[in-house]
Amino acid sequence: MLDKPFESVAAMIGLQKRITPRDMRRTFQDLCREAQVGDLVACSISGRETAAMQQRYSTFLGNEQERGSAK
């Protein structure tokens, strides 16, 4: 459903790499966490029904690991 808009934007900005909406699922979770969006809100926006699914599509950035280790 969103493949065409992604292709269009990629062409407009001259992106050589193919990016799909599916590729963005982890990015969305990471950006929500970085912006300190609450878990319930992030689940609601993404359509994830459980925190387990939200965690499945999350990755952790180096600065998050550093902050966690420092605490």
N, C-alpha and C. Protein backbone atom coordinates (compact mmCIF):
# COMPACT_ATOMS: atom_id res chain seq x y z
N MET A 1 0.81 -1.19 0.00
CA MET A 1 0.00 0.00 0.00
C MET A 1 0.87 1.27 0.00
N LEU A 2 1.96 1.25 0.74
CA LEU A 2 2.80 2.44 0.82
C LEU A 2 4.05 2.35 -0.06
N ASP A 3 4.19 1.28 -0.83
CA ASP A 3 5.39 1.11 -1.66
C ASP A 3 5.55 2.26 -2.66
N LYS A 4 4.48 2.66 -3.31
CA LYS A 4 4.58 3.72 -4.32
C LYS A 4 5.01 5.05 -3.72
N PRO A 5 4.44 5.49 -2.59
CA PRO A 5 4.93 6.74 -2.00
C PRO A 5 6.41 6.66 -1.60
N PHE A 6 6.85 5.53 -1.09
CA PHE A 6 8.25 5.38 -0.73
C PHE A 6 9.13 5.48 -1.97
N GLU A 7 8.73 4.82 -3.06
CA GLU A 7 9.49 4.89 -4.31
C GLU A 7 9.54 6.31 -4.83
N SER A 8 8.43 7.02 -4.74
CA SER A 8 8.35 8.39 -5.23
C SER A 8 9.29 9.32 -4.45
N VAL A 9 9.25 9.23 -3.15
CA VAL A 9 10.10 10.07 -2.31
C VAL A 9 11.57 9.71 -2.53
N ALA A 10 11.87 8.43 -2.61
CA ALA A 10 13.25 8.00 -2.85
C ALA A 10 13.77 8.57 -4.16
N ALA A 11 12.94 8.57 -5.19
CA ALA A 11 13.34 9.13 -6.48
C ALA A 11 13.55 10.65 -6.37
N MET A 12 12.68 11.33 -5.64
CA MET A 12 12.80 12.79 -5.51
C MET A 12 14.08 13.20 -4.79
N ILE A 13 14.50 12.42 -3.81
CA ILE A 13 15.70 12.80 -3.05
C ILE A 13 16.95 12.12 -3.61
N GLY A 14 16.79 11.33 -4.66
CA GLY A 14 17.93 10.70 -5.30
C GLY A 14 18.52 9.53 -4.53
N LEU A 15 17.70 8.87 -3.72
CA LEU A 15 18.15 7.73 -2.92
C LEU A 15 18.40 6.54 -3.83
N GLN A 16 19.58 5.97 -3.76
CA GLN A 16 19.94 4.84 -4.61
C GLN A 16 19.49 3.50 -4.04
N LYS A 17 19.27 3.48 -2.75
CA LYS A 17 18.91 2.26 -2.05
C LYS A 17 17.39 2.10 -2.03
N ARG A 18 16.91 0.88 -2.11
CA ARG A 18 15.46 0.65 -2.04
C ARG A 18 15.05 0.50 -0.57
N ILE A 19 14.11 1.31 -0.15
CA ILE A 19 13.58 1.24 1.22
C ILE A 19 12.08 1.05 1.13
N THR A 20 11.57 0.11 1.90
CA THR A 20 10.14 -0.19 1.90
C THR A 20 9.54 0.19 3.25
N PRO A 21 8.22 0.30 3.31
CA PRO A 21 7.58 0.56 4.60
C PRO A 21 7.95 -0.51 5.65
N ARG A 22 8.09 -1.75 5.19
CA ARG A 22 8.45 -2.81 6.13
C ARG A 22 9.83 -2.57 6.75
N ASP A 23 10.73 -2.01 5.97
CA ASP A 23 12.06 -1.69 6.49
C ASP A 23 12.00 -0.68 7.63
N MET A 24 10.98 0.12 7.65
CA MET A 24 10.89 1.22 8.61
C MET A 24 10.34 0.80 9.97
N ARG A 25 9.89 -0.45 10.12
CA ARG A 25 9.26 -0.84 11.39
C ARG A 25 10.21 -0.75 12.57
N ARG A 26 11.47 -1.14 12.38
CA ARG A 26 12.44 -1.02 13.48
C ARG A 26 12.84 0.44 13.70
N THR A 27 12.99 1.16 12.61
CA THR A 27 13.35 2.58 12.72
C THR A 27 12.31 3.33 13.53
N PHE A 28 11.03 3.06 13.26
CA PHE A 28 9.95 3.71 13.99
C PHE A 28 10.07 3.45 15.49
N GLN A 29 10.28 2.21 15.87
CA GLN A 29 10.38 1.86 17.29
C GLN A 29 11.57 2.58 17.93
N ASP A 30 12.69 2.59 17.22
CA ASP A 30 13.89 3.24 17.75
C ASP A 30 13.68 4.74 17.93
N LEU A 31 13.06 5.37 16.94
CA LEU A 31 12.82 6.82 17.03
C LEU A 31 11.83 7.15 18.14
N CYS A 32 10.82 6.32 18.33
CA CYS A 32 9.87 6.55 19.43
C CYS A 32 10.59 6.47 20.78
N ARG A 33 11.44 5.46 20.91
CA ARG A 33 12.16 5.32 22.17
C ARG A 33 13.08 6.51 22.40
N GLU A 34 13.79 6.95 21.35
CA GLU A 34 14.69 8.09 21.47
C GLU A 34 13.93 9.37 21.83
N ALA A 35 12.70 9.50 21.30
CA ALA A 35 11.88 10.68 21.59
C ALA A 35 11.12 10.53 22.91
N GLN A 36 11.36 9.42 23.59
CA GLN A 36 10.71 9.12 24.87
C GLN A 36 9.19 9.07 24.77
N VAL A 37 8.71 8.52 23.65
CA VAL A 37 7.28 8.28 23.49
C VAL A 37 6.95 7.06 24.33
N GLY A 38 5.90 7.14 25.13
CA GLY A 38 5.52 6.02 25.99
C GLY A 38 5.20 4.76 25.20
N ASP A 39 5.43 3.62 25.84
CA ASP A 39 5.20 2.33 25.18
C ASP A 39 3.77 2.17 24.67
N LEU A 40 2.81 2.56 25.49
CA LEU A 40 1.41 2.41 25.06
C LEU A 40 1.10 3.26 23.83
N VAL A 41 1.64 4.46 23.79
CA VAL A 41 1.42 5.35 22.65
C VAL A 41 2.09 4.79 21.41
N ALA A 42 3.33 4.34 21.55
CA ALA A 42 4.05 3.76 20.42
C ALA A 42 3.33 2.53 19.88
N CYS A 43 2.83 1.68 20.77
CA CYS A 43 2.07 0.49 20.35
C CYS A 43 0.81 0.91 19.61
N SER A 44 0.15 1.93 20.10
CA SER A 44 -1.07 2.42 19.47
C SER A 44 -0.81 2.96 18.07
N ILE A 45 0.25 3.73 17.91
CA ILE A 45 0.57 4.31 16.61
C ILE A 45 0.98 3.22 15.62
N SER A 46 1.81 2.28 16.07
CA SER A 46 2.35 1.28 15.16
C SER A 46 1.39 0.13 14.90
N GLY A 47 0.37 0.01 15.74
CA GLY A 47 -0.56 -1.10 15.58
C GLY A 47 -0.09 -2.38 16.27
N ARG A 48 0.99 -2.30 17.00
CA ARG A 48 1.46 -3.48 17.76
C ARG A 48 0.52 -3.68 18.93
N GLU A 49 0.12 -4.92 19.12
CA GLU A 49 -0.85 -5.19 20.17
C GLU A 49 -0.20 -5.52 21.51
N THR A 50 1.06 -5.91 21.47
CA THR A 50 1.71 -6.29 22.72
C THR A 50 3.08 -5.64 22.83
N ALA A 51 3.54 -5.52 24.05
CA ALA A 51 4.88 -4.97 24.29
C ALA A 51 5.93 -5.92 23.72
N ALA A 52 5.65 -7.22 23.71
CA ALA A 52 6.60 -8.20 23.17
C ALA A 52 6.85 -7.94 21.69
N MET A 53 5.81 -7.64 20.95
CA MET A 53 5.98 -7.34 19.53
C MET A 53 6.73 -6.02 19.34
N GLN A 54 6.46 -5.06 20.19
CA GLN A 54 7.16 -3.79 20.12
C GLN A 54 8.66 -4.01 20.35
N GLN A 55 8.99 -4.84 21.33
CA GLN A 55 10.38 -5.12 21.63
C GLN A 55 11.05 -5.90 20.50
N ARG A 56 10.29 -6.78 19.86
CA ARG A 56 10.84 -7.58 18.76
C ARG A 56 11.35 -6.68 17.63
N TYR A 57 10.65 -5.60 17.37
CA TYR A 57 11.03 -4.71 16.28
C TYR A 57 11.85 -3.52 16.74
N SER A 58 12.47 -3.63 17.90
CA SER A 58 13.33 -2.57 18.40
C SER A 58 14.79 -3.00 18.32
N THR A 59 15.64 -2.04 18.03
CA THR A 59 17.08 -2.25 18.13
C THR A 59 17.58 -1.20 19.12
N PHE A 60 18.79 -1.37 19.58
CA PHE A 60 19.29 -0.43 20.57
C PHE A 60 20.52 0.26 20.03
N LEU A 61 20.48 1.56 20.10
CA LEU A 61 21.57 2.38 19.59
C LEU A 61 22.71 2.41 20.60
N GLY A 62 23.92 2.67 20.12
CA GLY A 62 25.10 2.70 21.00
C GLY A 62 24.95 3.66 22.15
N ASN A 63 24.38 4.85 21.89
CA ASN A 63 24.26 5.82 22.98
C ASN A 63 23.26 5.35 24.04
N GLU A 64 22.26 4.57 23.65
CA GLU A 64 21.33 4.02 24.65
C GLU A 64 22.05 3.01 25.53
N GLN A 65 22.89 2.20 24.92
CA GLN A 65 23.65 1.21 25.69
C GLN A 65 24.63 1.90 26.65
N GLU A 66 25.27 2.96 26.18
CA GLU A 66 26.20 3.70 27.02
C GLU A 66 25.48 4.32 28.22
N ARG A 67 24.32 4.94 27.96
CA ARG A 67 23.56 5.56 29.06
C ARG A 67 23.10 4.50 30.05
N GLY A 68 22.66 3.35 29.53
CA GLY A 68 22.23 2.27 30.41
C GLY A 68 23.36 1.74 31.26
N SER A 69 24.53 1.60 30.67
CA SER A 69 25.70 1.12 31.42
C SER A 69 26.13 2.12 32.47
N ALA A 70 26.01 3.41 32.15
CA ALA A 70 26.42 4.45 33.08
C ALA A 70 25.52 4.50 34.31
N LYS A 71 24.27 4.12 34.13
CA LYS A 71 23.35 4.15 35.28
C LYS A 71 23.63 3.00 36.21
